[in-house]
Amino acid sequence: MPSKKRPIGNSPLFKRRLSRLIKRSKKGSNKTSKKHSKKYTPRVPKRFKCEAPEHHSDLFTDENPKKTVHGLRFRSRKDSRDSIKRLRSLYQKDKITFAHMRQIGITMEQRSRFHAHPTKGIKEGNQEWKKFNQSFKTSRNKK
């Protein structure tokens, strides 16, 4: 009985080796070209793998990295105040919208509230973020 062998060009091992060779040749041939940008795939937490991304939310998932504001902290009261000051300045410079600023404030409060290992500083930082979020509610009710 003749053995069924795949042609060499269709085997997975051949394809893998060929793709590696092609990648290596591209890297060495054109050093001045820009790096190849990878498509962004959002991180999905293990417990939400089966659900559509519209139906879950994770505090530490970066759903839209282009609009990410880096450097915001809640580790201590001072860090929280500095972060809030930075958020307000970004809003005043029209770098972020009012809704985005509020959403960031709510997210930072939730991150500090549900932190796995809350310290005294994190609890104080949480109070600052709570004040920041409460300021929106009181200013709205005064009108």
Foldseek 3Di string as FASTA:
>chain_A
DDDDDDDLCPDPVSVVVVVVVVVVVVCPPDVPDDDDDDDDDKDDDPVCPPPDPVPDDDLPIDPDVVLDDPQQDQQALVSLVVNLVVLVVCCVVVVDDPVVSLVVLVSLLVCLVPPPDHDPRSVNSNVSSVVVNVVVVVVVVVD
